[in-house]
Amino acid sequence: MLNDYACRRLFEEFIADTNDGFIVVDPNGIVLEINQNYCDFLGKTQEEIVGRPIQETISTTTMHEVLRSRQRGDGPNGVYLHPYAGGDTRLHVDTHAVCNRFCFFAGDGTLLGAAAQISFKERTAAMAYGLMEQELQYYKEAYQNQSAPAVGLKQIIGNSPQMEELKRKTQKIARRDFPVLITGETGTGKEMFAKAIHLESARRDKPIISINCAAIPAELLESELFGYEPGAFTGASRSGKLGRFQLAEGGTVFLDEIGDMPLPLQAKLLRVLQERELERVGGGMPVPIDVRIVAATRRDLPDMIRRGTFREDLYYRLNVINLEMIPLREHPEDIPLYISHTLERLNREYRTDILLSDAAKRRLQEYRWPGNVRELMNVITSAYASCDLLLIDEMDLPTKLLSNPRPAGARRLPDMVAEYEAAVIRDALRRHNQNIPAAARELGIDRSLLYRKIQKAGIIIKRVLEEPS
């Protein structure tokens, strides 16, 4: 049994030699001890800190809550990421550190105070990563459970024959567990269909993990995909890291822009497809993996094979099933749907009632849309943000859409007002399924006046549901 002096010496040696920061407070939050490492981090001397309330040194402290709750080190809130305000640290920047807080007691249970151990630098990174990885797993599962039933093929906009056929094909593909290669131009909805494949499949209750092969530097992509063992390379976390494939266990991995994957990684991906196992960076033993792979690209992979920049064997492994996206110019009848969806979303989000003029609608339907649906939605959003009136007119659209632009003063105000009124009437009729009496009540005008305005504007009523006179 150590005497009090020996215990004191042991404690002093520990807080002096540890790489961590250490601080002790009494039951009132007055600092009793702080080691030099923590002083260096805070940019203050021990004399400036000891004997003073802890909140004078660390403005973000939670030690009073630790004392109030009589928290022990094995409690659920013992270890956490503590934020530091810039004014509290030597470097004068906002930062975080991993802290372990706990109270200590006398033999009779009397509270003697509380202590905190703070981990810096590499150890902080390793511990923080471990904490964040646990949180990632929790939120990943929560997201899947909450959002999976709410989205899928039914939420993909488009009712043209081409889009309906594409949806039917996607639903058939989803039922089979083969790899899928989604090809097509940018902006055609490749990621949306990849997620629909997952959500229509038997793997819907497991995660879908997406990674853009073009957005991550080549030297980091391998560890992102396959993970790494502890200490696999300089700067690696001491706890190692799970890759995207392991995070998606039982679910789907979506590899966007697969054509941008470096050749060396293509060989490792081929092994995953062939052997259903992977090797983590720095690891010697293969790890079994159960995932479905859906890949997408805007590139011409057969041409890349001819030029030697994409593996032919990987191409055939990925392209067991091919899903070709449809450019917007090949199903222009869906353009009004995309316009309406985008404008309704903006009006709902910003609580407005901005409409689209017939002239602007014609311009949008005549354009070829090389950027497809994404470009169309961007144009609508830009026009919505820049229009001055409650009506998006053709002059609010980008110059590239105006092949024969009219002079700025060519349109008269009465014409613009009449066009806006016609757009409001069409919108009311649409909401009430072409029911003129119901539309008249919403607009606050007599039914006979609405009839005259409809006739003057040249609005065609496809189906009139009259109420009894």
Protein backbone atom coordinates (compact mmCIF):
# COMPACT_ATOMS: atom_id res chain seq x y z
CA MET A 1 0.00 0.00 0.00
CA LEU A 2 1.42 3.39 -1.05
CA ASN A 3 1.47 6.17 1.53
CA ASP A 4 0.17 9.68 0.76
CA TYR A 5 3.62 10.98 -0.17
CA ALA A 6 4.22 8.11 -2.62
CA CYS A 7 0.80 8.60 -4.18
CA ARG A 8 1.51 12.31 -4.60
CA ARG A 9 4.90 11.63 -6.22
CA LEU A 10 3.31 9.06 -8.56
CA PHE A 11 0.65 11.54 -9.60
CA GLU A 12 3.20 14.33 -10.23
CA GLU A 13 5.40 12.00 -12.28
CA PHE A 14 2.41 10.88 -14.33
CA ILE A 15 1.13 14.33 -15.25
CA ALA A 16 4.67 15.53 -16.00
CA ASP A 17 5.63 12.61 -18.27
CA THR A 18 2.35 11.97 -20.12
CA ASN A 19 1.94 13.33 -23.65
CA ASP A 20 -1.60 14.36 -22.74
CA GLY A 21 -2.93 17.43 -21.00
CA PHE A 22 -4.19 17.04 -17.43
CA ILE A 23 -6.25 19.33 -15.19
CA VAL A 24 -7.82 18.89 -11.73
CA VAL A 25 -10.52 21.08 -10.11
CA ASP A 26 -12.12 21.11 -6.67
CA PRO A 27 -15.91 20.71 -6.15
CA ASN A 28 -16.37 24.42 -6.89
CA GLY A 29 -14.50 24.33 -10.20
CA ILE A 30 -11.31 25.98 -8.86
CA VAL A 31 -8.20 24.63 -10.61
CA LEU A 32 -5.98 22.63 -8.24
CA GLU A 33 -3.49 21.12 -10.72
CA ILE A 34 -2.58 21.49 -14.39
CA ASN A 35 0.40 19.98 -16.18
CA GLN A 36 2.82 21.76 -18.49
CA ASN A 37 1.50 20.11 -21.66
CA TYR A 38 -1.94 21.60 -21.08
CA CYS A 39 -0.45 24.99 -20.20
CA ASP A 40 1.50 24.96 -23.47
CA PHE A 41 -1.67 24.16 -25.41
CA LEU A 42 -3.56 26.99 -23.68
CA GLY A 43 -0.67 29.44 -23.93
CA LYS A 44 -0.66 30.27 -20.20
CA THR A 45 1.51 29.55 -17.19
CA GLN A 46 0.53 27.38 -14.25
CA GLU A 47 0.59 30.46 -12.02
CA GLU A 48 -2.06 32.11 -14.24
CA ILE A 49 -4.38 29.12 -13.99
CA VAL A 50 -4.03 27.36 -10.63
CA GLY A 51 -6.27 28.78 -7.89
CA ARG A 52 -8.70 30.42 -10.31
CA PRO A 53 -12.12 29.24 -11.64
CA ILE A 54 -11.67 26.99 -14.64
CA GLN A 55 -14.08 29.02 -16.81
CA GLU A 56 -11.66 31.98 -16.67
CA THR A 57 -9.12 29.86 -18.58
CA ILE A 58 -11.40 27.66 -20.71
CA SER A 59 -14.55 29.53 -21.70
CA THR A 60 -16.13 26.40 -23.20
CA THR A 61 -15.56 24.21 -20.13
CA THR A 62 -18.16 21.63 -19.13
CA MET A 63 -16.47 20.68 -15.84
CA HIS A 64 -19.26 22.24 -13.77
CA GLU A 65 -21.72 19.87 -15.45
CA VAL A 66 -19.35 16.97 -14.75
CA LEU A 67 -19.27 17.98 -11.06
CA ARG A 68 -23.02 18.50 -10.87
CA SER A 69 -23.76 15.08 -12.36
CA ARG A 70 -20.97 13.39 -10.35
CA GLN A 71 -19.83 11.84 -13.61
CA ARG A 72 -17.56 8.83 -13.52
CA GLY A 73 -14.99 7.96 -16.17
CA ASP A 74 -16.91 4.96 -17.45
CA GLY A 75 -20.07 6.96 -18.05
CA PRO A 76 -21.55 7.48 -21.54
CA ASN A 77 -20.30 11.07 -21.67
CA GLY A 78 -16.83 10.43 -20.27
CA VAL A 79 -14.97 10.65 -23.59
CA TYR A 80 -16.01 13.29 -26.10
CA LEU A 81 -14.68 15.90 -28.55
CA HIS A 82 -14.33 19.15 -26.63
CA PRO A 83 -14.37 22.44 -28.61
CA TYR A 84 -11.95 25.26 -27.75
CA ALA A 85 -12.59 28.88 -28.66
CA GLY A 86 -9.77 30.65 -30.46
CA GLY A 87 -9.15 33.03 -27.57
CA ASP A 88 -8.54 30.13 -25.18
CA THR A 89 -5.58 28.54 -26.99
CA ARG A 90 -2.00 29.50 -27.77
CA LEU A 91 -2.62 29.43 -31.55
CA HIS A 92 -5.77 31.58 -31.28
CA VAL A 93 -7.83 29.31 -33.54
CA ASP A 94 -11.01 27.32 -32.89
CA THR A 95 -10.09 23.67 -32.44
CA HIS A 96 -11.09 20.38 -30.80
CA ALA A 97 -9.39 17.81 -28.59
CA VAL A 98 -10.46 14.44 -27.23
CA CYS A 99 -11.22 14.69 -23.50
CA ASN A 100 -11.95 12.16 -20.78
CA ARG A 101 -13.67 13.79 -17.76
CA PHE A 102 -14.45 12.14 -14.43
CA CYS A 103 -15.10 12.92 -10.77
CA PHE A 104 -13.18 11.39 -7.84
CA PHE A 105 -14.52 10.70 -4.36
CA ALA A 106 -13.43 10.06 -0.75
CA GLY A 107 -13.97 6.65 0.83
CA ASP A 108 -17.31 7.80 2.25
CA GLY A 109 -18.53 9.00 -1.15
CA THR A 110 -17.81 12.69 -0.61
CA LEU A 111 -17.07 14.51 -3.87
CA LEU A 112 -13.45 15.72 -3.86
CA GLY A 113 -13.34 17.24 -7.34
CA ALA A 114 -13.00 16.33 -11.01
CA ALA A 115 -10.23 15.81 -13.54
CA ALA A 116 -9.90 15.87 -17.30
CA GLN A 117 -7.34 14.17 -19.53
CA ILE A 118 -6.89 15.81 -22.95
CA SER A 119 -5.27 14.03 -25.91
CA PHE A 120 -3.40 16.06 -28.54
CA LYS A 121 -1.86 15.54 -31.98
CA GLU A 122 -1.63 11.98 -33.35
CA ARG A 123 -3.41 10.40 -30.41
CA THR A 124 -6.23 12.88 -30.71
CA ALA A 125 -6.60 12.07 -34.40
CA ALA A 126 -6.73 8.33 -33.74
CA MET A 127 -9.24 8.62 -30.90
CA ALA A 128 -11.33 11.20 -32.73
CA TYR A 129 -11.48 8.97 -35.78
CA GLY A 130 -12.63 6.07 -33.63
CA LEU A 131 -15.40 8.18 -32.13
CA MET A 132 -16.46 9.59 -35.50
CA GLU A 133 -16.47 6.14 -37.10
CA GLN A 134 -18.89 4.93 -34.43
CA GLU A 135 -21.08 7.96 -35.03
CA LEU A 136 -20.87 7.40 -38.80
CA GLN A 137 -22.16 3.86 -38.42
CA TYR A 138 -25.05 5.03 -36.23
CA TYR A 139 -26.16 7.84 -38.55
CA LYS A 140 -25.64 5.69 -41.64
CA GLU A 141 -28.03 3.05 -40.32
CA ALA A 142 -30.50 5.68 -39.11
CA TYR A 143 -30.48 7.33 -42.53
CA GLN A 144 -31.11 4.06 -44.32
CA ASN A 145 -33.97 3.12 -42.00
CA GLN A 146 -35.67 6.50 -42.24
CA SER A 147 -35.17 7.47 -45.86
CA ALA A 148 -35.11 4.23 -47.84
CA PRO A 149 -38.91 3.73 -48.07
CA ALA A 150 -39.47 7.35 -49.13
CA VAL A 151 -37.57 7.37 -52.43
CA GLY A 152 -37.22 5.18 -55.50
CA LEU A 153 -38.43 4.86 -59.07
CA LYS A 154 -41.79 6.47 -58.30
CA GLN A 155 -40.03 9.71 -57.42
CA ILE A 156 -38.12 9.89 -60.72
CA ILE A 157 -39.86 12.50 -62.87
CA GLY A 158 -40.74 11.70 -66.47
CA ASN A 159 -43.73 10.00 -68.10
CA SER A 160 -42.65 9.96 -71.74
CA PRO A 161 -42.61 6.49 -73.37
CA GLN A 162 -38.78 6.52 -73.27
CA MET A 163 -38.65 7.31 -69.55
CA GLU A 164 -41.37 4.80 -68.69
CA GLU A 165 -39.44 2.09 -70.53
CA LEU A 166 -36.23 3.08 -68.72
CA LYS A 167 -38.00 2.80 -65.36
CA ARG A 168 -39.41 -0.63 -66.26
CA LYS A 169 -35.93 -1.82 -67.24
CA THR A 170 -34.45 -0.43 -64.00
CA GLN A 171 -37.03 -2.28 -61.93
CA LYS A 172 -36.15 -5.57 -63.64
CA ILE A 173 -32.42 -4.92 -63.19
CA ALA A 174 -32.87 -4.19 -59.47
CA ARG A 175 -34.26 -7.68 -58.81
CA ARG A 176 -31.08 -9.38 -60.02
CA ASP A 177 -27.87 -9.08 -58.00
CA PHE A 178 -25.55 -8.56 -60.98
CA PRO A 179 -23.16 -5.59 -61.41
CA VAL A 180 -24.65 -2.69 -63.38
CA LEU A 181 -22.89 -0.12 -65.56
CA ILE A 182 -24.89 3.08 -66.04
CA THR A 183 -23.75 5.13 -69.03
CA GLY A 184 -24.87 8.41 -70.49
CA GLU A 185 -24.28 12.12 -70.75
CA THR A 186 -23.78 14.37 -67.75
CA GLY A 187 -26.97 15.57 -66.09
CA THR A 188 -29.14 12.63 -67.14
CA GLY A 189 -29.69 11.25 -63.63
CA LYS A 190 -27.18 8.40 -63.39
CA GLU A 191 -26.82 8.68 -59.60
CA MET A 192 -30.58 8.89 -59.14
CA PHE A 193 -31.10 5.65 -61.06
CA ALA A 194 -28.24 3.97 -59.17
CA LYS A 195 -29.99 4.74 -55.89
CA ALA A 196 -33.29 3.53 -57.33
CA ILE A 197 -31.65 0.20 -58.26
CA HIS A 198 -30.53 -0.20 -54.64
CA LEU A 199 -33.87 0.82 -53.15
CA GLU A 200 -35.82 -1.51 -55.45
CA SER A 201 -33.52 -4.44 -54.63
CA ALA A 202 -33.42 -7.03 -51.84
CA ARG A 203 -30.50 -5.03 -50.36
CA ARG A 204 -32.68 -1.97 -49.66
CA ASP A 205 -32.37 -2.36 -45.87
CA LYS A 206 -28.58 -2.21 -46.05
CA PRO A 207 -26.43 0.87 -46.84
CA ILE A 208 -25.74 2.33 -50.25
CA ILE A 209 -22.33 4.02 -50.20
CA SER A 210 -21.44 6.40 -53.04
CA ILE A 211 -17.98 7.52 -54.08
CA ASN A 212 -17.00 9.79 -56.96
CA CYS A 213 -13.80 8.37 -58.43
CA ALA A 214 -13.00 11.71 -60.11
CA ALA A 215 -13.38 13.80 -56.95
CA ILE A 216 -10.78 12.05 -54.76
CA PRO A 217 -7.01 12.27 -55.45
CA ALA A 218 -5.62 9.03 -56.87
CA GLU A 219 -3.23 8.57 -53.95
CA LEU A 220 -6.15 8.65 -51.47
CA LEU A 221 -8.72 6.70 -53.47
CA GLU A 222 -7.34 3.26 -52.58
CA SER A 223 -7.60 3.81 -48.82
CA GLU A 224 -11.06 5.39 -49.25
CA LEU A 225 -12.34 2.35 -51.13
CA PHE A 226 -10.58 -0.48 -49.34
CA GLY A 227 -9.55 1.03 -45.98
CA TYR A 228 -6.20 0.55 -44.27
CA GLU A 229 -4.61 -1.27 -41.35
CA PRO A 230 -3.29 0.59 -38.25
CA GLY A 231 -0.01 2.36 -39.07
CA ALA A 232 -0.16 1.38 -42.77
CA PHE A 233 1.53 4.63 -43.82
CA THR A 234 2.81 7.91 -42.41
CA GLY A 235 -0.09 9.86 -40.97
CA ALA A 236 -2.41 6.84 -40.88
CA SER A 237 -4.75 6.50 -37.92
CA ARG A 238 -3.45 4.15 -35.24
CA SER A 239 -6.87 2.51 -35.17
CA GLY A 240 -6.94 1.89 -38.93
CA LYS A 241 -9.88 2.77 -41.13
CA LEU A 242 -12.76 0.95 -42.77
CA GLY A 243 -13.10 1.54 -46.50
CA ARG A 244 -16.32 2.30 -48.36
CA PHE A 245 -16.72 -1.33 -49.40
CA GLN A 246 -16.72 -2.54 -45.80
CA LEU A 247 -19.07 0.26 -44.72
CA ALA A 248 -21.50 -0.94 -47.41
CA GLU A 249 -21.40 -4.59 -46.26
CA GLY A 250 -24.58 -6.32 -47.40
CA GLY A 251 -25.63 -3.29 -49.45
CA THR A 252 -24.52 -1.46 -52.58
CA VAL A 253 -21.39 0.47 -53.59
CA PHE A 254 -22.02 3.14 -56.23
CA LEU A 255 -18.83 4.05 -58.11
CA ASP A 256 -19.56 7.28 -59.97
CA GLU A 257 -17.19 8.35 -62.78
CA ILE A 258 -15.62 4.89 -62.90
CA GLY A 259 -13.77 5.94 -66.07
CA ASP A 260 -11.56 8.18 -63.91
CA MET A 261 -10.33 5.34 -61.70
CA PRO A 262 -6.51 4.87 -61.99
CA LEU A 263 -5.33 1.66 -63.68
CA PRO A 264 -3.67 0.15 -60.55
CA LEU A 265 -6.93 0.44 -58.63
CA GLN A 266 -8.85 -1.11 -61.50
CA ALA A 267 -6.93 -4.34 -60.83
CA LYS A 268 -7.94 -4.30 -57.14
CA LEU A 269 -11.56 -3.62 -58.06
CA LEU A 270 -11.47 -6.54 -60.48
CA ARG A 271 -10.45 -8.81 -57.61
CA VAL A 272 -13.43 -7.62 -55.55
CA LEU A 273 -15.74 -8.50 -58.41
CA GLN A 274 -14.11 -11.86 -59.12
CA GLU A 275 -13.23 -13.14 -55.65
CA ARG A 276 -15.69 -11.14 -53.51
CA GLU A 277 -12.86 -10.13 -51.19
CA LEU A 278 -10.55 -7.15 -50.73
CA GLU A 279 -7.18 -6.27 -49.25
CA ARG A 280 -6.90 -3.25 -46.97
CA VAL A 281 -3.87 -1.02 -47.49
CA GLY A 282 -1.05 -2.44 -45.37
CA GLY A 283 -2.95 -5.67 -44.77
CA GLY A 284 -1.89 -9.17 -45.71
CA MET A 285 -5.09 -11.15 -45.21
CA PRO A 286 -8.01 -10.84 -47.65
CA VAL A 287 -11.31 -9.63 -46.21
CA PRO A 288 -14.53 -11.28 -47.49
CA ILE A 289 -17.03 -8.73 -48.77
CA ASP A 290 -20.69 -8.94 -49.79
CA VAL A 291 -21.73 -5.89 -51.82
CA ARG A 292 -23.40 -5.17 -55.12
CA ILE A 293 -21.46 -2.83 -57.39
CA VAL A 294 -23.21 -0.23 -59.52
CA ALA A 295 -20.86 1.95 -61.60
CA ALA A 296 -21.54 4.98 -63.78
CA THR A 297 -19.60 6.98 -66.33
CA ARG A 298 -20.03 9.67 -68.95
CA ARG A 299 -16.89 8.45 -70.74
CA ASP A 300 -16.59 6.15 -73.78
CA LEU A 301 -15.09 3.10 -72.04
CA PRO A 302 -14.60 1.01 -75.23
CA ASP A 303 -12.50 3.86 -76.65
CA MET A 304 -10.52 4.03 -73.37
CA ILE A 305 -9.88 0.28 -73.68
CA ARG A 306 -8.46 0.80 -77.17
CA ARG A 307 -6.18 3.53 -75.82
CA GLY A 308 -5.07 1.35 -72.90
CA THR A 309 -6.51 3.57 -70.14
CA PHE A 310 -9.24 1.19 -68.98
CA ARG A 311 -9.00 -2.56 -68.37
CA GLU A 312 -11.02 -4.66 -70.78
CA ASP A 313 -11.56 -7.46 -68.23
CA LEU A 314 -12.91 -4.96 -65.68
CA TYR A 315 -15.21 -3.47 -68.30
CA TYR A 316 -16.86 -6.83 -68.97
CA ARG A 317 -17.14 -7.56 -65.25
CA LEU A 318 -18.88 -4.22 -64.65
CA ASN A 319 -20.98 -4.27 -67.81
CA VAL A 320 -22.94 -7.43 -67.03
CA ILE A 321 -26.02 -5.21 -67.28
CA ASN A 322 -25.91 -1.86 -69.06
CA LEU A 323 -28.39 0.92 -68.33
CA GLU A 324 -28.16 3.72 -70.90
CA MET A 325 -29.52 7.09 -69.78
CA ILE A 326 -31.66 9.13 -72.17
CA PRO A 327 -30.57 12.67 -73.15
CA LEU A 328 -33.28 15.27 -72.55
CA ARG A 329 -33.39 16.16 -76.27
CA GLU A 330 -34.73 12.64 -76.93
CA HIS A 331 -37.73 13.03 -74.61
CA PRO A 332 -38.60 16.76 -74.84
CA GLU A 333 -42.21 16.04 -73.84
CA ASP A 334 -40.92 15.71 -70.26
CA ILE A 335 -39.49 19.25 -70.24
CA PRO A 336 -42.74 20.83 -68.88
CA LEU A 337 -42.70 18.33 -66.00
CA TYR A 338 -39.13 19.26 -65.02
CA ILE A 339 -39.97 22.95 -65.31
CA SER A 340 -43.08 22.60 -63.15
CA HIS A 341 -41.30 20.47 -60.55
CA THR A 342 -38.38 22.90 -60.22
CA LEU A 343 -40.57 26.02 -60.06
CA GLU A 344 -42.97 24.47 -57.54
CA ARG A 345 -40.04 23.48 -55.34
CA LEU A 346 -38.60 27.02 -55.44
CA ASN A 347 -41.99 28.63 -54.76
CA ARG A 348 -42.57 26.27 -51.83
CA GLU A 349 -39.11 26.86 -50.41
CA TYR A 350 -39.22 30.66 -50.68
CA ARG A 351 -43.00 31.10 -50.24
CA THR A 352 -43.60 32.81 -53.56
CA ASP A 353 -46.01 32.38 -56.50
CA ILE A 354 -43.74 33.10 -59.44
CA LEU A 355 -44.99 31.72 -62.76
CA LEU A 356 -43.42 31.09 -66.16
CA SER A 357 -44.57 32.98 -69.24
CA ASP A 358 -45.65 31.09 -72.36
CA ALA A 359 -42.85 32.77 -74.33
CA ALA A 360 -40.23 31.59 -71.83
CA LYS A 361 -41.73 28.10 -71.84
CA ARG A 362 -41.44 27.97 -75.64
CA ARG A 363 -37.79 28.98 -75.44
CA LEU A 364 -37.10 26.26 -72.90
CA GLN A 365 -38.80 23.61 -75.01
CA GLU A 366 -36.95 24.63 -78.19
CA TYR A 367 -33.45 24.43 -76.65
CA ARG A 368 -31.33 21.29 -77.14
CA TRP A 369 -30.05 21.03 -73.52
CA PRO A 370 -26.53 19.60 -73.87
CA GLY A 371 -26.35 19.55 -70.04
CA ASN A 372 -29.69 17.72 -69.88
CA VAL A 373 -32.01 17.88 -66.85
CA ARG A 374 -29.34 19.31 -64.56
CA GLU A 375 -28.78 22.24 -66.95
CA LEU A 376 -32.54 22.82 -67.28
CA MET A 377 -32.99 22.97 -63.50
CA ASN A 378 -30.04 25.34 -63.16
CA VAL A 379 -31.52 27.66 -65.81
CA ILE A 380 -34.93 27.71 -64.08
CA THR A 381 -33.29 28.44 -60.72
CA SER A 382 -31.19 31.24 -62.19
CA ALA A 383 -34.20 32.80 -63.93
CA TYR A 384 -36.24 32.54 -60.73
CA ALA A 385 -33.53 34.34 -58.77
CA SER A 386 -33.15 37.16 -61.29
CA CYS A 387 -36.71 37.90 -62.45
CA ASP A 388 -38.08 41.29 -61.36
CA LEU A 389 -41.82 40.60 -61.63
CA LEU A 390 -43.98 37.69 -60.51
CA LEU A 391 -43.47 36.15 -63.94
CA ILE A 392 -40.33 34.63 -65.46
CA ASP A 393 -40.20 36.06 -68.97
CA GLU A 394 -37.97 34.95 -71.85
CA MET A 395 -35.66 37.91 -71.24
CA ASP A 396 -34.89 36.42 -67.81
CA LEU A 397 -33.39 33.36 -69.53
CA PRO A 398 -29.70 33.03 -70.51
CA THR A 399 -28.66 34.52 -73.86
CA LYS A 400 -27.82 31.07 -75.25
CA LEU A 401 -31.53 30.19 -75.18
CA LEU A 402 -32.52 33.29 -77.13
CA SER A 403 -31.55 32.52 -80.72
CA ASN A 404 -33.65 35.49 -81.97
CA PRO A 405 -33.86 37.83 -78.96
CA ARG A 406 -36.32 40.70 -79.17
CA PRO A 407 -35.18 44.25 -78.40
CA ALA A 408 -35.46 45.08 -74.72
CA GLY A 409 -38.27 47.60 -75.28
CA ALA A 410 -40.27 45.57 -77.80
CA ARG A 411 -42.77 44.21 -75.29
CA ARG A 412 -45.47 46.54 -73.99
CA LEU A 413 -46.55 46.52 -70.36
CA PRO A 414 -50.23 45.69 -71.17
CA ASP A 415 -49.05 42.62 -73.08
CA MET A 416 -46.92 41.50 -70.16
CA VAL A 417 -49.81 42.03 -67.70
CA ALA A 418 -52.18 40.06 -69.96
CA GLU A 419 -49.68 37.23 -70.23
CA TYR A 420 -49.24 37.13 -66.47
CA GLU A 421 -53.01 37.06 -65.96
CA ALA A 422 -53.33 34.18 -68.44
CA ALA A 423 -50.59 32.27 -66.61
CA VAL A 424 -52.39 32.78 -63.25
CA ILE A 425 -55.66 31.51 -64.76
CA ARG A 426 -53.98 28.45 -66.28
CA ASP A 427 -52.35 27.68 -62.93
CA ALA A 428 -55.70 27.92 -61.08
CA LEU A 429 -57.42 25.72 -63.67
CA ARG A 430 -54.66 23.13 -63.39
CA ARG A 431 -54.99 22.98 -59.61
CA HIS A 432 -58.78 22.47 -59.90
CA ASN A 433 -58.66 19.91 -62.74
CA GLN A 434 -60.09 22.43 -65.27
CA ASN A 435 -63.12 23.13 -63.04
CA ILE A 436 -64.04 26.71 -63.96
CA PRO A 437 -66.40 27.46 -61.03
CA ALA A 438 -63.82 26.26 -58.51
CA ALA A 439 -61.07 28.29 -60.21
CA ALA A 440 -63.31 31.38 -60.22
CA ARG A 441 -63.92 31.04 -56.48
CA GLU A 442 -60.17 30.80 -55.81
CA LEU A 443 -59.43 33.83 -57.98
CA GLY A 444 -62.24 35.84 -56.37
CA ILE A 445 -64.04 36.71 -59.60
CA ASP A 446 -67.43 35.90 -61.13
CA ARG A 447 -67.61 32.73 -63.22
CA SER A 448 -68.88 34.62 -66.29
CA LEU A 449 -65.91 37.03 -66.06
CA LEU A 450 -63.53 34.08 -65.88
CA TYR A 451 -65.16 32.60 -68.99
CA ARG A 452 -64.54 35.87 -70.88
CA LYS A 453 -60.92 36.05 -69.72
CA ILE A 454 -60.34 32.41 -70.76
CA GLN A 455 -61.78 33.15 -74.21
CA LYS A 456 -59.74 36.34 -74.60
CA ALA A 457 -56.51 34.59 -73.59
CA GLY A 458 -57.18 31.69 -75.96
CA ILE A 459 -56.97 29.12 -73.17
CA ILE A 460 -58.23 25.69 -74.21
CA ILE A 461 -60.22 23.82 -71.57
CA LYS A 462 -59.55 20.12 -72.01
CA ARG A 463 -62.16 18.92 -69.51
CA VAL A 464 -64.81 21.12 -67.89
CA LEU A 465 -66.49 19.85 -64.79
CA GLU A 466 -69.42 22.25 -64.28
CA GLU A 467 -71.31 22.48 -61.05
CA PRO A 468 -75.13 22.43 -61.33
CA SER A 469 -76.55 25.92 -61.95
